[in-house]
Amino acid sequence: MSAVASVSADPFAASVVSPADLAALLAPILARHHLPGLAAVALRSDGIVAEGAVGVRRTESTTRLTLADDFHLGSATKAMTATLI
């Protein structure tokens, strides 16, 4: 899905051309917590470093979850804002 310009010990090195794929890291979390789908993004001040989506859009569906899907965050934004501050 994504590529990096060069191999580096630092996954957040400036040589990253496009975001790294987090799917391999997300898949075990999805299975462990019995979730239908899971998406994540890692950011740095200069942009997206890594991103990924695994699973399906909803339970009992075969439609794969993608990074283009919309997510309703609801009241979770309060906790996220508190974490950022």
PDB file of N, CA and C in Angstrom:
ATOM      1  N   MET A   1       0.820  -1.181   0.000  1.00  0.00           N
ATOM      2  CA  MET A   1       0.000   0.000   0.000  1.00  0.00           C
ATOM      3  C   MET A   1       0.865   1.246   0.000  1.00  0.00           C
ATOM      4  N   SER A   2       1.834   1.330   0.916  1.00  0.00           N
ATOM      5  CA  SER A   2       2.677   2.508   1.020  1.00  0.00           C
ATOM      6  C   SER A   2       4.130   2.120   0.853  1.00  0.00           C
ATOM      7  N   ALA A   3       4.948   3.106   0.558  1.00  0.00           N
ATOM      8  CA  ALA A   3       6.365   2.847   0.359  1.00  0.00           C
ATOM      9  C   ALA A   3       7.191   3.848   1.138  1.00  0.00           C
ATOM     10  N   VAL A   4       8.407   3.461   1.441  1.00  0.00           N
ATOM     11  CA  VAL A   4       9.346   4.379   2.066  1.00  0.00           C
ATOM     12  C   VAL A   4      10.532   4.545   1.152  1.00  0.00           C
ATOM     13  N   ALA A   5      11.167   5.711   1.223  1.00  0.00           N
ATOM     14  CA  ALA A   5      12.278   6.020   0.331  1.00  0.00           C
ATOM     15  C   ALA A   5      13.519   5.220   0.679  1.00  0.00           C
ATOM     16  N   SER A   6      13.731   4.973   1.967  1.00  0.00           N
ATOM     17  CA  SER A   6      14.912   4.223   2.373  1.00  0.00           C
ATOM     18  C   SER A   6      14.627   3.513   3.684  1.00  0.00           C
ATOM     19  N   VAL A   7      15.405   2.492   3.970  1.00  0.00           N
ATOM     20  CA  VAL A   7      15.245   1.753   5.215  1.00  0.00           C
ATOM     21  C   VAL A   7      15.990   2.509   6.304  1.00  0.00           C
ATOM     22  N   SER A   8      15.336   2.713   7.424  1.00  0.00           N
ATOM     23  CA  SER A   8      15.932   3.452   8.523  1.00  0.00           C
ATOM     24  C   SER A   8      15.538   2.801   9.837  1.00  0.00           C
ATOM     25  N   ALA A   9      16.402   2.875  10.828  1.00  0.00           N
ATOM     26  CA  ALA A   9      16.084   2.346  12.151  1.00  0.00           C
ATOM     27  C   ALA A   9      14.989   3.180  12.799  1.00  0.00           C
ATOM     28  N   ASP A  10      14.871   4.439  12.424  1.00  0.00           N
ATOM     29  CA  ASP A  10      13.866   5.338  12.965  1.00  0.00           C
ATOM     30  C   ASP A  10      12.655   5.356  12.038  1.00  0.00           C
ATOM     31  N   PRO A  11      11.494   4.757  12.455  1.00  0.00           N
ATOM     32  CA  PRO A  11      10.331   4.724  11.578  1.00  0.00           C
ATOM     33  C   PRO A  11       9.760   6.111  11.295  1.00  0.00           C
ATOM     34  N   PHE A  12      10.158   7.109  12.076  1.00  0.00           N
ATOM     35  CA  PHE A  12       9.674   8.467  11.884  1.00  0.00           C
ATOM     36  C   PHE A  12      10.725   9.357  11.230  1.00  0.00           C
ATOM     37  N   ALA A  13      11.703   8.763  10.589  1.00  0.00           N
ATOM     38  CA  ALA A  13      12.767   9.520   9.929  1.00  0.00           C
ATOM     39  C   ALA A  13      12.198  10.368   8.804  1.00  0.00           C
ATOM     40  N   ALA A  14      12.855  11.459   8.498  1.00  0.00           N
ATOM     41  CA  ALA A  14      12.397  12.391   7.474  1.00  0.00           C
ATOM     42  C   ALA A  14      12.386  11.777   6.083  1.00  0.00           C
ATOM     43  N   SER A  15      12.992  10.610   5.885  1.00  0.00           N
ATOM     44  CA  SER A  15      13.059  10.007   4.560  1.00  0.00           C
ATOM     45  C   SER A  15      11.756   9.349   4.125  1.00  0.00           C
ATOM     46  N   VAL A  16      10.738   9.338   4.987  1.00  0.00           N
ATOM     47  CA  VAL A  16       9.472   8.711   4.641  1.00  0.00           C
ATOM     48  C   VAL A  16       8.779   9.540   3.566  1.00  0.00           C
ATOM     49  N   VAL A  17       8.538   8.905   2.416  1.00  0.00           N
ATOM     50  CA  VAL A  17       7.908   9.585   1.292  1.00  0.00           C
ATOM     51  C   VAL A  17       6.394   9.542   1.421  1.00  0.00           C
ATOM     52  N   SER A  18       5.858   8.378   1.729  1.00  0.00           N
ATOM     53  CA  SER A  18       4.428   8.238   1.952  1.00  0.00           C
ATOM     54  C   SER A  18       4.230   7.458   3.246  1.00  0.00           C
ATOM     55  N   PRO A  19       3.059   7.595   3.855  1.00  0.00           N
ATOM     56  CA  PRO A  19       2.850   6.957   5.162  1.00  0.00           C
ATOM     57  C   PRO A  19       3.079   5.447   5.150  1.00  0.00           C
ATOM     58  N   ALA A  20       3.682   4.959   6.216  1.00  0.00           N
ATOM     59  CA  ALA A  20       3.869   3.523   6.394  1.00  0.00           C
ATOM     60  C   ALA A  20       2.512   2.882   6.681  1.00  0.00           C
ATOM     61  N   ASP A  21       2.377   1.611   6.379  1.00  0.00           N
ATOM     62  CA  ASP A  21       1.128   0.879   6.575  1.00  0.00           C
ATOM     63  C   ASP A  21       1.102   0.242   7.966  1.00  0.00           C
ATOM     64  N   LEU A  22       0.094   0.571   8.749  1.00  0.00           N
ATOM     65  CA  LEU A  22      -0.045   0.035  10.109  1.00  0.00           C
ATOM     66  C   LEU A  22      -0.886  -1.241  10.178  1.00  0.00           C
ATOM     67  N   ALA A  23      -1.363  -1.744   9.055  1.00  0.00           N
ATOM     68  CA  ALA A  23      -2.281  -2.886   9.052  1.00  0.00           C
ATOM     69  C   ALA A  23      -1.733  -4.085   9.826  1.00  0.00           C
ATOM     70  N   ALA A  24      -0.458  -4.400   9.669  1.00  0.00           N
ATOM     71  CA  ALA A  24       0.117  -5.556  10.365  1.00  0.00           C
ATOM     72  C   ALA A  24       0.109  -5.364  11.878  1.00  0.00           C
ATOM     73  N   LEU A  25       0.205  -4.137  12.340  1.00  0.00           N
ATOM     74  CA  LEU A  25       0.153  -3.867  13.781  1.00  0.00           C
ATOM     75  C   LEU A  25      -1.288  -3.849  14.303  1.00  0.00           C
ATOM     76  N   LEU A  26      -2.216  -3.448  13.454  1.00  0.00           N
ATOM     77  CA  LEU A  26      -3.613  -3.337  13.878  1.00  0.00           C
ATOM     78  C   LEU A  26      -4.347  -4.675  13.892  1.00  0.00           C
ATOM     79  N   ALA A  27      -3.986  -5.580  13.005  1.00  0.00           N
ATOM     80  CA  ALA A  27      -4.696  -6.863  12.881  1.00  0.00           C
ATOM     81  C   ALA A  27      -4.754  -7.656  14.191  1.00  0.00           C
ATOM     82  N   PRO A  28      -3.648  -7.803  14.939  1.00  0.00           N
ATOM     83  CA  PRO A  28      -3.741  -8.551  16.206  1.00  0.00           C
ATOM     84  C   PRO A  28      -4.615  -7.853  17.254  1.00  0.00           C
ATOM     85  N   ILE A  29      -4.641  -6.527  17.242  1.00  0.00           N
ATOM     86  CA  ILE A  29      -5.491  -5.774  18.178  1.00  0.00           C
ATOM     87  C   ILE A  29      -6.953  -6.009  17.829  1.00  0.00           C
ATOM     88  N   LEU A  30      -7.256  -5.973  16.542  1.00  0.00           N
ATOM     89  CA  LEU A  30      -8.610  -6.235  16.054  1.00  0.00           C
ATOM     90  C   LEU A  30      -9.088  -7.600  16.536  1.00  0.00           C
ATOM     91  N   ALA A  31      -8.247  -8.621  16.365  1.00  0.00           N
ATOM     92  CA  ALA A  31      -8.607  -9.988  16.761  1.00  0.00           C
ATOM     93  C   ALA A  31      -8.723 -10.124  18.283  1.00  0.00           C
ATOM     94  N   ARG A  32      -7.772  -9.559  19.010  1.00  0.00           N
ATOM     95  CA  ARG A  32      -7.752  -9.690  20.470  1.00  0.00           C
ATOM     96  C   ARG A  32      -9.007  -9.102  21.111  1.00  0.00           C
ATOM     97  N   HIS A  33      -9.503  -7.999  20.551  1.00  0.00           N
ATOM     98  CA  HIS A  33     -10.649  -7.311  21.156  1.00  0.00           C
ATOM     99  C   HIS A  33     -11.965  -7.571  20.426  1.00  0.00           C
ATOM    100  N   HIS A  34     -11.935  -8.512  19.464  1.00  0.00           N
ATOM    101  CA  HIS A  34     -13.143  -8.923  18.737  1.00  0.00           C
ATOM    102  C   HIS A  34     -13.883  -7.729  18.129  1.00  0.00           C
ATOM    103  N   LEU A  35     -13.134  -6.862  17.449  1.00  0.00           N
ATOM    104  CA  LEU A  35     -13.702  -5.684  16.812  1.00  0.00           C
ATOM    105  C   LEU A  35     -14.045  -5.976  15.359  1.00  0.00           C
ATOM    106  N   PRO A  36     -15.073  -5.337  14.818  1.00  0.00           N
ATOM    107  CA  PRO A  36     -15.344  -5.519  13.393  1.00  0.00           C
ATOM    108  C   PRO A  36     -14.302  -4.810  12.526  1.00  0.00           C
ATOM    109  N   GLY A  37     -13.864  -3.634  12.954  1.00  0.00           N
ATOM    110  CA  GLY A  37     -12.880  -2.878  12.192  1.00  0.00           C
ATOM    111  C   GLY A  37     -12.090  -1.941  13.090  1.00  0.00           C
ATOM    112  N   LEU A  38     -10.928  -1.534  12.596  1.00  0.00           N
ATOM    113  CA  LEU A  38     -10.046  -0.673  13.372  1.00  0.00           C
ATOM    114  C   LEU A  38      -9.185   0.133  12.414  1.00  0.00           C
ATOM    115  N   ALA A  39      -9.046   1.430  12.693  1.00  0.00           N
ATOM    116  CA  ALA A  39      -8.186   2.293  11.885  1.00  0.00           C
ATOM    117  C   ALA A  39      -7.347   3.149  12.820  1.00  0.00           C
ATOM    118  N   ALA A  40      -6.158   3.533  12.362  1.00  0.00           N
ATOM    119  CA  ALA A  40      -5.271   4.359  13.175  1.00  0.00           C
ATOM    120  C   ALA A  40      -4.388   5.204  12.269  1.00  0.00           C
ATOM    121  N   VAL A  41      -3.888   6.283  12.845  1.00  0.00           N
ATOM    122  CA  VAL A  41      -2.961   7.154  12.128  1.00  0.00           C
ATOM    123  C   VAL A  41      -1.918   7.655  13.126  1.00  0.00           C
ATOM    124  N   ALA A  42      -0.677   7.762  12.681  1.00  0.00           N
ATOM    125  CA  ALA A  42       0.404   8.339  13.492  1.00  0.00           C
ATOM    126  C   ALA A  42       0.815   9.634  12.825  1.00  0.00           C
ATOM    127  N   LEU A  43       0.793  10.710  13.602  1.00  0.00           N
ATOM    128  CA  LEU A  43       1.100  12.034  13.070  1.00  0.00           C
ATOM    129  C   LEU A  43       2.374  12.595  13.656  1.00  0.00           C
ATOM    130  N   ARG A  44       2.979  13.448  12.891  1.00  0.00           N
ATOM    131  CA  ARG A  44       4.129  14.241  13.343  1.00  0.00           C
ATOM    132  C   ARG A  44       3.841  15.661  12.883  1.00  0.00           C
ATOM    133  N   SER A  45       4.561  16.621  13.356  1.00  0.00           N
ATOM    134  CA  SER A  45       4.271  18.006  13.011  1.00  0.00           C
ATOM    135  C   SER A  45       4.279  18.267  11.507  1.00  0.00           C
ATOM    136  N   ASP A  46       5.018  17.476  10.747  1.00  0.00           N
ATOM    137  CA  ASP A  46       5.084  17.694   9.297  1.00  0.00           C
ATOM    138  C   ASP A  46       4.145  16.791   8.513  1.00  0.00           C
ATOM    139  N   GLY A  47       3.264  16.058   9.184  1.00  0.00           N
ATOM    140  CA  GLY A  47       2.262  15.278   8.459  1.00  0.00           C
ATOM    141  C   GLY A  47       2.081  13.868   8.974  1.00  0.00           C
ATOM    142  N   ILE A  48       1.398  13.058   8.167  1.00  0.00           N
ATOM    143  CA  ILE A  48       1.097  11.673   8.514  1.00  0.00           C
ATOM    144  C   ILE A  48       2.334  10.811   8.318  1.00  0.00           C
ATOM    145  N   VAL A  49       2.686  10.047   9.343  1.00  0.00           N
ATOM    146  CA  VAL A  49       3.846   9.162   9.300  1.00  0.00           C
ATOM    147  C   VAL A  49       3.421   7.736   8.962  1.00  0.00           C
ATOM    148  N   ALA A  50       2.300   7.307   9.537  1.00  0.00           N
ATOM    149  CA  ALA A  50       1.817   5.948   9.306  1.00  0.00           C
ATOM    150  C   ALA A  50       0.303   5.936   9.439  1.00  0.00           C
ATOM    151  N   GLU A  51      -0.323   5.015   8.700  1.00  0.00           N
ATOM    152  CA  GLU A  51      -1.780   4.904   8.750  1.00  0.00           C
ATOM    153  C   GLU A  51      -2.186   3.490   8.363  1.00  0.00           C
ATOM    154  N   GLY A  52      -3.356   3.099   8.790  1.00  0.00           N
ATOM    155  CA  GLY A  52      -3.822   1.769   8.416  1.00  0.00           C
ATOM    156  C   GLY A  52      -5.260   1.529   8.824  1.00  0.00           C
ATOM    157  N   ALA A  53      -5.892   0.585   8.149  1.00  0.00           N
ATOM    158  CA  ALA A  53      -7.262   0.186   8.448  1.00  0.00           C
ATOM    159  C   ALA A  53      -7.375  -1.310   8.197  1.00  0.00           C
ATOM    160  N   VAL A  54      -8.024  -2.015   9.115  1.00  0.00           N
ATOM    161  CA  VAL A  54      -8.232  -3.465   8.992  1.00  0.00           C
ATOM    162  C   VAL A  54      -9.665  -3.801   9.378  1.00  0.00           C
ATOM    163  N   GLY A  55     -10.139  -4.933   8.920  1.00  0.00           N
ATOM    164  CA  GLY A  55     -11.462  -5.407   9.283  1.00  0.00           C
ATOM    165  C   GLY A  55     -12.540  -4.956   8.324  1.00  0.00           C
ATOM    166  N   VAL A  56     -13.761  -4.978   8.823  1.00  0.00           N
ATOM    167  CA  VAL A  56     -14.934  -4.641   8.022  1.00  0.00           C
ATOM    168  C   VAL A  56     -15.639  -3.416   8.594  1.00  0.00           C
ATOM    169  N   ARG A  57     -16.493  -2.802   7.784  1.00  0.00           N
ATOM    170  CA  ARG A  57     -17.171  -1.572   8.189  1.00  0.00           C
ATOM    171  C   ARG A  57     -18.144  -1.779   9.341  1.00  0.00           C
ATOM    172  N   ARG A  58     -18.839  -2.901   9.343  1.00  0.00           N
ATOM    173  CA  ARG A  58     -19.787  -3.177  10.428  1.00  0.00           C
ATOM    174  C   ARG A  58     -19.920  -4.685  10.626  1.00  0.00           C
ATOM    175  N   THR A  59     -20.321  -5.070  11.814  1.00  0.00           N
ATOM    176  CA  THR A  59     -20.515  -6.484  12.132  1.00  0.00           C
ATOM    177  C   THR A  59     -21.466  -7.122  11.127  1.00  0.00           C
ATOM    178  N   GLU A  60     -21.205  -8.363  10.784  1.00  0.00           N
ATOM    179  CA  GLU A  60     -21.992  -9.134   9.832  1.00  0.00           C
ATOM    180  C   GLU A  60     -21.953  -8.546   8.422  1.00  0.00           C
ATOM    181  N   SER A  61     -20.874  -7.838   8.097  1.00  0.00           N
ATOM    182  CA  SER A  61     -20.680  -7.268   6.767  1.00  0.00           C
ATOM    183  C   SER A  61     -19.379  -7.811   6.189  1.00  0.00           C
ATOM    184  N   THR A  62     -19.286  -7.839   4.887  1.00  0.00           N
ATOM    185  CA  THR A  62     -18.034  -8.246   4.243  1.00  0.00           C
ATOM    186  C   THR A  62     -17.350  -7.054   3.570  1.00  0.00           C
ATOM    187  N   THR A  63     -17.934  -5.858   3.710  1.00  0.00           N
ATOM    188  CA  THR A  63     -17.352  -4.651   3.121  1.00  0.00           C
ATOM    189  C   THR A  63     -16.142  -4.230   3.946  1.00  0.00           C
ATOM    190  N   ARG A  64     -14.971  -4.258   3.318  1.00  0.00           N
ATOM    191  CA  ARG A  64     -13.725  -3.939   4.011  1.00  0.00           C
ATOM    192  C   ARG A  64     -13.693  -2.481   4.470  1.00  0.00           C
ATOM    193  N   LEU A  65     -13.129  -2.245   5.625  1.00  0.00           N
ATOM    194  CA  LEU A  65     -12.903  -0.910   6.146  1.00  0.00           C
ATOM    195  C   LEU A  65     -11.746  -0.290   5.374  1.00  0.00           C
ATOM    196  N   THR A  66     -11.843   0.977   5.047  1.00  0.00           N
ATOM    197  CA  THR A  66     -10.765   1.669   4.337  1.00  0.00           C
ATOM    198  C   THR A  66     -10.416   2.971   5.061  1.00  0.00           C
ATOM    199  N   LEU A  67      -9.320   3.548   4.693  1.00  0.00           N
ATOM    200  CA  LEU A  67      -8.922   4.831   5.268  1.00  0.00           C
ATOM    201  C   LEU A  67      -9.834   5.964   4.821  1.00  0.00           C
ATOM    202  N   ALA A  68     -10.598   5.754   3.757  1.00  0.00           N
ATOM    203  CA  ALA A  68     -11.516   6.777   3.259  1.00  0.00           C
ATOM    204  C   ALA A  68     -12.863   6.768   3.988  1.00  0.00           C
ATOM    205  N   ASP A  69     -13.111   5.751   4.830  1.00  0.00           N
ATOM    206  CA  ASP A  69     -14.374   5.678   5.565  1.00  0.00           C
ATOM    207  C   ASP A  69     -14.459   6.783   6.618  1.00  0.00           C
ATOM    208  N   ASP A  70     -15.690   7.246   6.866  1.00  0.00           N
ATOM    209  CA  ASP A  70     -15.930   8.242   7.902  1.00  0.00           C
ATOM    210  C   ASP A  70     -16.164   7.533   9.237  1.00  0.00           C
ATOM    211  N   PHE A  71     -15.695   8.142  10.311  1.00  0.00           N
ATOM    212  CA  PHE A  71     -15.874   7.588  11.648  1.00  0.00           C
ATOM    213  C   PHE A  71     -16.585   8.617  12.519  1.00  0.00           C
ATOM    214  N   HIS A  72     -17.616   8.189  13.229  1.00  0.00           N
ATOM    215  CA  HIS A  72     -18.311   9.056  14.170  1.00  0.00           C
ATOM    216  C   HIS A  72     -17.559   8.998  15.496  1.00  0.00           C
ATOM    217  N   LEU A  73     -17.029  10.116  15.914  1.00  0.00           N
ATOM    218  CA  LEU A  73     -16.257  10.140  17.159  1.00  0.00           C
ATOM    219  C   LEU A  73     -17.111  10.456  18.372  1.00  0.00           C
ATOM    220  N   GLY A  74     -18.209  11.130  18.189  1.00  0.00           N
ATOM    221  CA  GLY A  74     -19.110  11.413  19.298  1.00  0.00           C
ATOM    222  C   GLY A  74     -18.415  12.056  20.477  1.00  0.00           C
ATOM    223  N   SER A  75     -18.764  11.627  21.672  1.00  0.00           N
ATOM    224  CA  SER A  75     -18.212  12.234  22.875  1.00  0.00           C
ATOM    225  C   SER A  75     -16.759  11.832  23.128  1.00  0.00           C
ATOM    226  N   ALA A  76     -16.215  10.968  22.311  1.00  0.00           N
ATOM    227  CA  ALA A  76     -14.803  10.590  22.463  1.00  0.00           C
ATOM    228  C   ALA A  76     -13.874  11.776  22.215  1.00  0.00           C
ATOM    229  N   THR A  77     -14.376  12.812  21.547  1.00  0.00           N
ATOM    230  CA  THR A  77     -13.520  13.969  21.257  1.00  0.00           C
ATOM    231  C   THR A  77     -13.076  14.689  22.522  1.00  0.00           C
ATOM    232  N   LYS A  78     -13.871  14.633  23.571  1.00  0.00           N
ATOM    233  CA  LYS A  78     -13.473  15.284  24.827  1.00  0.00           C
ATOM    234  C   LYS A  78     -12.216  14.628  25.404  1.00  0.00           C
ATOM    235  N   ALA A  79     -12.195  13.312  25.410  1.00  0.00           N
ATOM    236  CA  ALA A  79     -11.022  12.595  25.917  1.00  0.00           C
ATOM    237  C   ALA A  79      -9.810  12.824  25.016  1.00  0.00           C
ATOM    238  N   MET A  80     -10.025  12.855  23.716  1.00  0.00           N
ATOM    239  CA  MET A  80      -8.916  13.096  22.793  1.00  0.00           C
ATOM    240  C   MET A  80      -8.360  14.510  22.965  1.00  0.00           C
ATOM    241  N   THR A  81      -9.247  15.489  23.123  1.00  0.00           N
ATOM    242  CA  THR A  81      -8.796  16.862  23.333  1.00  0.00           C
ATOM    243  C   THR A  81      -8.023  16.984  24.635  1.00  0.00           C
ATOM    244  N   ALA A  82      -8.497  16.349  25.689  1.00  0.00           N
ATOM    245  CA  ALA A  82      -7.807  16.389  26.972  1.00  0.00           C
ATOM    246  C   ALA A  82      -6.422  15.752  26.859  1.00  0.00           C
ATOM    247  N   THR A  83      -6.310  14.698  26.063  1.00  0.00           N
ATOM    248  CA  THR A  83      -5.018  14.035  25.869  1.00  0.00           C
ATOM    249  C   THR A  83      -4.055  14.959  25.139  1.00  0.00           C
ATOM    250  N   LEU A  84      -4.544  15.689  24.164  1.00  0.00           N
ATOM    251  CA  LEU A  84      -3.695  16.585  23.378  1.00  0.00           C
ATOM    252  C   LEU A  84      -3.223  17.790  24.177  1.00  0.00           C
ATOM    253  N   ILE A  85      -4.017  18.208  25.145  1.00  0.00           N
ATOM    254  CA  ILE A  85      -3.665  19.399  25.945  1.00  0.00           C
ATOM    255  C   ILE A  85      -2.727  19.006  27.004  1.00  0.00           C
TER     256      ILE A  85
END
